[in-house]
Amino acid sequence: MEAKDYDSLIEVFRGDLWEAELVKGLLRSAGVDAMLKDETLSAVTSPYANMGGHVCVLVNKEEEVYARKVVAERKA
């Protein structure tokens, strides 16, 4: 298996935890490695009245263009 360099992660989506999990799964099914940022903080704050709770979906910089295309097609 080829090693991937994650020195430069790029945000391709930001939303609620459940949306970010869906986007991460969508990207992974399209062959793009993705990870979530701020997942724990979101799980703690989201039950409270709009105190934030946003989660970022991050991908490797080399996969950014394709990942953005996959995310954009999700909205169509």
C-alpha atoms as a PDB file:
ATOM      1  CA  MET A   1       0.000   0.000   0.000  1.00  0.00           C
ATOM      2  CA  GLU A   2       1.295   3.427  -0.929  1.00  0.00           C
ATOM      3  CA  ALA A   3       2.045   5.825   1.941  1.00  0.00           C
ATOM      4  CA  LYS A   4       0.268   9.173   1.754  1.00  0.00           C
ATOM      5  CA  ASP A   5       1.598  12.497   2.959  1.00  0.00           C
ATOM      6  CA  TYR A   6      -0.810  14.455   5.158  1.00  0.00           C
ATOM      7  CA  ASP A   7       1.386  17.483   5.756  1.00  0.00           C
ATOM      8  CA  SER A   8      -1.114  19.803   4.121  1.00  0.00           C
ATOM      9  CA  LEU A   9      -4.754  19.069   4.832  1.00  0.00           C
ATOM     10  CA  ILE A  10      -7.432  21.146   3.111  1.00  0.00           C
ATOM     11  CA  GLU A  11     -10.986  21.766   4.316  1.00  0.00           C
ATOM     12  CA  VAL A  12     -13.544  20.744   1.691  1.00  0.00           C
ATOM     13  CA  PHE A  13     -16.702  20.827   3.831  1.00  0.00           C
ATOM     14  CA  ARG A  14     -17.946  22.349   7.089  1.00  0.00           C
ATOM     15  CA  GLY A  15     -21.221  21.525   8.786  1.00  0.00           C
ATOM     16  CA  ASP A  16     -22.945  19.671  11.573  1.00  0.00           C
ATOM     17  CA  LEU A  17     -21.447  16.414  12.794  1.00  0.00           C
ATOM     18  CA  TRP A  18     -23.992  14.243  10.995  1.00  0.00           C
ATOM     19  CA  GLU A  19     -23.471  16.108   7.693  1.00  0.00           C
ATOM     20  CA  ALA A  20     -19.695  15.880   8.029  1.00  0.00           C
ATOM     21  CA  GLU A  21     -19.919  12.134   8.687  1.00  0.00           C
ATOM     22  CA  LEU A  22     -22.023  11.716   5.533  1.00  0.00           C
ATOM     23  CA  VAL A  23     -19.580  13.750   3.429  1.00  0.00           C
ATOM     24  CA  LYS A  24     -16.619  11.833   4.850  1.00  0.00           C
ATOM     25  CA  GLY A  25     -18.310   8.547   3.927  1.00  0.00           C
ATOM     26  CA  LEU A  26     -19.143   9.851   0.469  1.00  0.00           C
ATOM     27  CA  LEU A  27     -15.545  10.881  -0.112  1.00  0.00           C
ATOM     28  CA  ARG A  28     -14.194   7.578   1.158  1.00  0.00           C
ATOM     29  CA  SER A  29     -16.558   5.676  -1.137  1.00  0.00           C
ATOM     30  CA  ALA A  30     -15.150   7.784  -4.000  1.00  0.00           C
ATOM     31  CA  GLY A  31     -11.615   6.728  -3.035  1.00  0.00           C
ATOM     32  CA  VAL A  32     -10.608   9.938  -1.224  1.00  0.00           C
ATOM     33  CA  ASP A  33      -9.084   9.652   2.252  1.00  0.00           C
ATOM     34  CA  ALA A  34     -10.891  12.086   4.527  1.00  0.00           C
ATOM     35  CA  MET A  35     -10.865  12.950   8.204  1.00  0.00           C
ATOM     36  CA  LEU A  36     -12.914  15.077  10.576  1.00  0.00           C
ATOM     37  CA  LYS A  37     -11.682  17.970  12.701  1.00  0.00           C
ATOM     38  CA  ASP A  38     -13.423  19.209  15.871  1.00  0.00           C
ATOM     39  CA  GLU A  39     -15.618  16.099  16.087  1.00  0.00           C
ATOM     40  CA  THR A  40     -15.312  15.823  19.873  1.00  0.00           C
ATOM     41  CA  LEU A  41     -16.005  19.494  20.535  1.00  0.00           C
ATOM     42  CA  SER A  42     -19.034  19.351  18.273  1.00  0.00           C
ATOM     43  CA  ALA A  43     -20.467  16.339  20.078  1.00  0.00           C
ATOM     44  CA  VAL A  44     -20.137  18.213  23.361  1.00  0.00           C
ATOM     45  CA  THR A  45     -21.541  21.572  22.224  1.00  0.00           C
ATOM     46  CA  SER A  46     -24.187  20.605  19.662  1.00  0.00           C
ATOM     47  CA  PRO A  47     -26.938  19.767  22.190  1.00  0.00           C
ATOM     48  CA  TYR A  48     -26.826  23.390  23.329  1.00  0.00           C
ATOM     49  CA  ALA A  49     -28.510  26.206  21.447  1.00  0.00           C
ATOM     50  CA  ASN A  50     -26.314  26.892  18.414  1.00  0.00           C
ATOM     51  CA  MET A  51     -23.039  27.194  20.308  1.00  0.00           C
ATOM     52  CA  GLY A  52     -21.139  26.212  17.200  1.00  0.00           C
ATOM     53  CA  GLY A  53     -20.866  22.514  16.658  1.00  0.00           C
ATOM     54  CA  HIS A  54     -19.321  22.759  13.213  1.00  0.00           C
ATOM     55  CA  VAL A  55     -17.088  19.980  11.994  1.00  0.00           C
ATOM     56  CA  CYS A  56     -14.594  20.237   9.127  1.00  0.00           C
ATOM     57  CA  VAL A  57     -13.953  17.487   6.597  1.00  0.00           C
ATOM     58  CA  LEU A  58     -10.283  17.527   5.615  1.00  0.00           C
ATOM     59  CA  VAL A  59      -8.524  15.874   2.680  1.00  0.00           C
ATOM     60  CA  ASN A  60      -4.957  15.748   1.458  1.00  0.00           C
ATOM     61  CA  LYS A  61      -4.047  18.732  -0.735  1.00  0.00           C
ATOM     62  CA  GLU A  62      -3.368  16.454  -3.721  1.00  0.00           C
ATOM     63  CA  GLU A  63      -6.973  15.200  -3.579  1.00  0.00           C
ATOM     64  CA  GLU A  64      -8.602  18.606  -3.069  1.00  0.00           C
ATOM     65  CA  VAL A  65      -9.927  19.212  -6.596  1.00  0.00           C
ATOM     66  CA  TYR A  66     -11.519  15.786  -6.904  1.00  0.00           C
ATOM     67  CA  ALA A  67     -12.902  15.961  -3.339  1.00  0.00           C
ATOM     68  CA  ARG A  68     -14.532  19.349  -3.990  1.00  0.00           C
ATOM     69  CA  LYS A  69     -16.103  17.925  -7.158  1.00  0.00           C
ATOM     70  CA  VAL A  70     -17.519  14.974  -5.209  1.00  0.00           C
ATOM     71  CA  VAL A  71     -18.915  17.291  -2.508  1.00  0.00           C
ATOM     72  CA  ALA A  72     -20.409  19.666  -5.126  1.00  0.00           C
ATOM     73  CA  GLU A  73     -22.129  16.792  -6.944  1.00  0.00           C
ATOM     74  CA  ARG A  74     -23.705  15.758  -3.632  1.00  0.00           C
ATOM     75  CA  LYS A  75     -25.600  19.057  -3.541  1.00  0.00           C
ATOM     76  CA  ALA A  76     -26.871  18.788  -7.106  1.00  0.00           C
END
